[in-house]
Amino acid sequence: LQTSPAFQNIEKISYIEFVEMLANINKEILIQQFRAYEKSPGIVSGNDCKQLIESRTPLENMPLYIRNGLNSLSETDNISLGEFLAFNSFMNHRDEIELAIEIYTLAGGSVTQ
C-alpha cells in the first residue's frame, strides 16, 4: 500500500505514547465542555455538572448510587474543574473499582474500613 503524501513525514509513536495522547485529548475535551458551562472561573453549578455528565453517559446507564449522587446536586452547589475531572476519571475506571471492592469484600474486608 502506498502512504498518502500527507502522512509521509509523520513520526511514528509507540502504543503507550498513543494512549497518552488519547487521554490528553479526552481531558482537553472535558475541560472545554466544562468551560462552556462555567459560571465563574473553574466553577460550574451542580445542575450544570449533572447536565455535563449526563451528556457523556445517560443517567439510566449509571448505577443507582451514582444516579442518587447526581440527583442530589443543586443549582447552589459549586463543582470545580478538578472535581469534575476526578469524577470523570472515576466513571472511566468504575468497572475496575467495583471489581476491586467486590474482591476485597469477598476476602472478608469491609469497604468502610
C-alpha atoms as a PDB file:
ATOM      1  CA  LEU A   1       0.000   0.000   0.000  1.00  0.00           C
ATOM      2  CA  GLN A   2       1.142   3.497  -0.762  1.00  0.00           C
ATOM      3  CA  THR A   3       1.167   6.054   2.024  1.00  0.00           C
ATOM      4  CA  SER A   4      -0.603   9.323   1.385  1.00  0.00           C
ATOM      5  CA  PRO A   5       1.889  12.180   0.857  1.00  0.00           C
ATOM      6  CA  ALA A   6       0.300  13.996   3.794  1.00  0.00           C
ATOM      7  CA  PHE A   7       1.464  11.217   6.136  1.00  0.00           C
ATOM      8  CA  GLN A   8       4.941  10.503   4.760  1.00  0.00           C
ATOM      9  CA  ASN A   9       6.837  12.796   7.145  1.00  0.00           C
ATOM     10  CA  ILE A  10       4.909  11.969  10.305  1.00  0.00           C
ATOM     11  CA  GLU A  11       6.948  10.489  13.126  1.00  0.00           C
ATOM     12  CA  LYS A  12       5.839   7.094  14.413  1.00  0.00           C
ATOM     13  CA  ILE A  13       4.779   6.869  18.049  1.00  0.00           C
ATOM     14  CA  SER A  14       4.604   3.934  20.405  1.00  0.00           C
ATOM     15  CA  TYR A  15       1.384   2.429  21.704  1.00  0.00           C
ATOM     16  CA  ILE A  16       1.998   3.994  25.124  1.00  0.00           C
ATOM     17  CA  GLU A  17       2.511   7.423  23.552  1.00  0.00           C
ATOM     18  CA  PHE A  18      -0.689   6.940  21.546  1.00  0.00           C
ATOM     19  CA  VAL A  19      -2.689   6.014  24.669  1.00  0.00           C
ATOM     20  CA  GLU A  20      -1.280   9.057  26.496  1.00  0.00           C
ATOM     21  CA  MET A  21      -2.189  11.271  23.544  1.00  0.00           C
ATOM     22  CA  LEU A  22      -5.770   9.945  23.565  1.00  0.00           C
ATOM     23  CA  ALA A  23      -6.021  10.549  27.325  1.00  0.00           C
ATOM     24  CA  ASN A  24      -4.804  14.126  26.843  1.00  0.00           C
ATOM     25  CA  ILE A  25      -7.289  14.722  24.027  1.00  0.00           C
ATOM     26  CA  ASN A  26     -10.142  13.363  26.157  1.00  0.00           C
ATOM     27  CA  LYS A  27      -9.063  15.555  29.081  1.00  0.00           C
ATOM     28  CA  GLU A  28      -8.976  18.616  26.840  1.00  0.00           C
ATOM     29  CA  ILE A  29     -12.471  17.816  25.556  1.00  0.00           C
ATOM     30  CA  LEU A  30     -13.723  17.603  29.164  1.00  0.00           C
ATOM     31  CA  ILE A  31     -12.058  20.919  30.014  1.00  0.00           C
ATOM     32  CA  GLN A  32     -13.618  22.656  27.003  1.00  0.00           C
ATOM     33  CA  GLN A  33     -17.072  21.238  27.816  1.00  0.00           C
ATOM     34  CA  PHE A  34     -16.661  22.385  31.430  1.00  0.00           C
ATOM     35  CA  ARG A  35     -15.601  25.892  30.336  1.00  0.00           C
ATOM     36  CA  ALA A  36     -18.771  26.229  28.236  1.00  0.00           C
ATOM     37  CA  TYR A  37     -20.821  25.969  31.469  1.00  0.00           C
ATOM     38  CA  GLU A  38     -18.597  27.967  33.847  1.00  0.00           C
ATOM     39  CA  LYS A  39     -20.447  30.480  35.998  1.00  0.00           C
ATOM     40  CA  SER A  40     -17.126  31.784  37.372  1.00  0.00           C
ATOM     41  CA  PRO A  41     -13.542  30.717  36.601  1.00  0.00           C
ATOM     42  CA  GLY A  42     -13.157  26.998  37.336  1.00  0.00           C
ATOM     43  CA  ILE A  43     -16.688  26.563  38.764  1.00  0.00           C
ATOM     44  CA  VAL A  44     -19.973  25.190  37.422  1.00  0.00           C
ATOM     45  CA  SER A  45     -23.258  24.748  39.256  1.00  0.00           C
ATOM     46  CA  GLY A  46     -24.346  21.320  40.432  1.00  0.00           C
ATOM     47  CA  ASN A  47     -27.142  21.271  37.855  1.00  0.00           C
ATOM     48  CA  ASP A  48     -24.731  22.141  35.055  1.00  0.00           C
ATOM     49  CA  CYS A  49     -22.301  19.471  36.248  1.00  0.00           C
ATOM     50  CA  LYS A  50     -25.099  16.912  36.194  1.00  0.00           C
ATOM     51  CA  GLN A  51     -26.016  18.013  32.660  1.00  0.00           C
ATOM     52  CA  LEU A  52     -22.383  17.686  31.536  1.00  0.00           C
ATOM     53  CA  ILE A  53     -22.081  14.198  32.998  1.00  0.00           C
ATOM     54  CA  GLU A  54     -25.396  13.079  31.521  1.00  0.00           C
ATOM     55  CA  SER A  55     -24.278  14.303  28.089  1.00  0.00           C
ATOM     56  CA  ARG A  56     -21.451  11.750  28.254  1.00  0.00           C
ATOM     57  CA  THR A  57     -23.315   8.868  29.940  1.00  0.00           C
ATOM     58  CA  PRO A  58     -27.119   8.652  30.074  1.00  0.00           C
ATOM     59  CA  LEU A  59     -28.401   8.583  33.648  1.00  0.00           C
ATOM     60  CA  GLU A  60     -30.240   5.290  33.116  1.00  0.00           C
ATOM     61  CA  ASN A  61     -26.905   3.607  32.280  1.00  0.00           C
ATOM     62  CA  MET A  62     -25.402   4.587  35.648  1.00  0.00           C
ATOM     63  CA  PRO A  63     -25.584   2.567  38.867  1.00  0.00           C
ATOM     64  CA  LEU A  64     -28.182   3.695  41.390  1.00  0.00           C
ATOM     65  CA  TYR A  65     -25.595   5.099  43.838  1.00  0.00           C
ATOM     66  CA  ILE A  66     -24.218   7.414  41.122  1.00  0.00           C
ATOM     67  CA  ARG A  67     -27.697   8.477  39.977  1.00  0.00           C
ATOM     68  CA  ASN A  68     -28.624   9.293  43.583  1.00  0.00           C
ATOM     69  CA  GLY A  69     -25.458  11.349  43.988  1.00  0.00           C
ATOM     70  CA  LEU A  70     -26.081  13.282  40.790  1.00  0.00           C
ATOM     71  CA  ASN A  71     -29.728  13.836  41.657  1.00  0.00           C
ATOM     72  CA  SER A  72     -28.661  15.398  44.953  1.00  0.00           C
ATOM     73  CA  LEU A  73     -26.747  18.159  43.112  1.00  0.00           C
ATOM     74  CA  SER A  74     -28.458  21.538  43.002  1.00  0.00           C
ATOM     75  CA  GLU A  75     -28.005  24.935  41.390  1.00  0.00           C
ATOM     76  CA  THR A  76     -26.353  26.233  44.573  1.00  0.00           C
ATOM     77  CA  ASP A  77     -23.644  23.533  44.601  1.00  0.00           C
ATOM     78  CA  ASN A  78     -20.286  24.641  43.218  1.00  0.00           C
ATOM     79  CA  ILE A  79     -18.305  21.994  41.349  1.00  0.00           C
ATOM     80  CA  SER A  80     -14.670  22.724  40.499  1.00  0.00           C
ATOM     81  CA  LEU A  81     -12.889  21.646  37.352  1.00  0.00           C
ATOM     82  CA  GLY A  82     -10.711  19.326  39.446  1.00  0.00           C
ATOM     83  CA  GLU A  83     -13.774  17.655  40.969  1.00  0.00           C
ATOM     84  CA  PHE A  84     -15.361  17.285  37.527  1.00  0.00           C
ATOM     85  CA  LEU A  85     -12.212  15.718  36.075  1.00  0.00           C
ATOM     86  CA  ALA A  86     -11.854  13.405  39.091  1.00  0.00           C
ATOM     87  CA  PHE A  87     -15.470  12.242  38.742  1.00  0.00           C
ATOM     88  CA  ASN A  88     -14.964  11.534  35.036  1.00  0.00           C
ATOM     89  CA  SER A  89     -11.815   9.572  35.856  1.00  0.00           C
ATOM     90  CA  PHE A  90     -13.826   7.572  38.389  1.00  0.00           C
ATOM     91  CA  MET A  91     -16.508   6.920  35.765  1.00  0.00           C
ATOM     92  CA  ASN A  92     -13.889   5.754  33.257  1.00  0.00           C
ATOM     93  CA  HIS A  93     -12.455   3.296  35.814  1.00  0.00           C
ATOM     94  CA  ARG A  94     -15.707   2.402  37.564  1.00  0.00           C
ATOM     95  CA  ASP A  95     -15.692  -1.246  36.459  1.00  0.00           C
ATOM     96  CA  GLU A  96     -12.190  -1.815  37.868  1.00  0.00           C
ATOM     97  CA  ILE A  97     -13.065  -0.027  41.108  1.00  0.00           C
ATOM     98  CA  GLU A  98     -16.267  -2.019  41.582  1.00  0.00           C
ATOM     99  CA  LEU A  99     -14.398  -5.270  40.873  1.00  0.00           C
ATOM    100  CA  ALA A 100     -11.702  -4.379  43.413  1.00  0.00           C
ATOM    101  CA  ILE A 101     -14.352  -3.603  46.045  1.00  0.00           C
ATOM    102  CA  GLU A 102     -16.139  -6.889  45.309  1.00  0.00           C
ATOM    103  CA  ILE A 103     -12.910  -8.896  45.619  1.00  0.00           C
ATOM    104  CA  TYR A 104     -11.995  -7.072  48.836  1.00  0.00           C
ATOM    105  CA  THR A 105     -15.454  -7.760  50.260  1.00  0.00           C
ATOM    106  CA  LEU A 106     -15.326 -11.425  49.255  1.00  0.00           C
ATOM    107  CA  ALA A 107     -11.969 -11.709  51.006  1.00  0.00           C
ATOM    108  CA  GLY A 108     -13.659 -10.623  54.217  1.00  0.00           C
ATOM    109  CA  GLY A 109     -12.682  -6.956  54.214  1.00  0.00           C
ATOM    110  CA  SER A 110     -15.054  -4.146  54.979  1.00  0.00           C
ATOM    111  CA  VAL A 111     -15.316  -1.298  52.477  1.00  0.00           C
ATOM    112  CA  THR A 112     -15.957   1.115  55.339  1.00  0.00           C
ATOM    113  CA  GLN A 113     -12.559   0.386  56.947  1.00  0.00           C
END
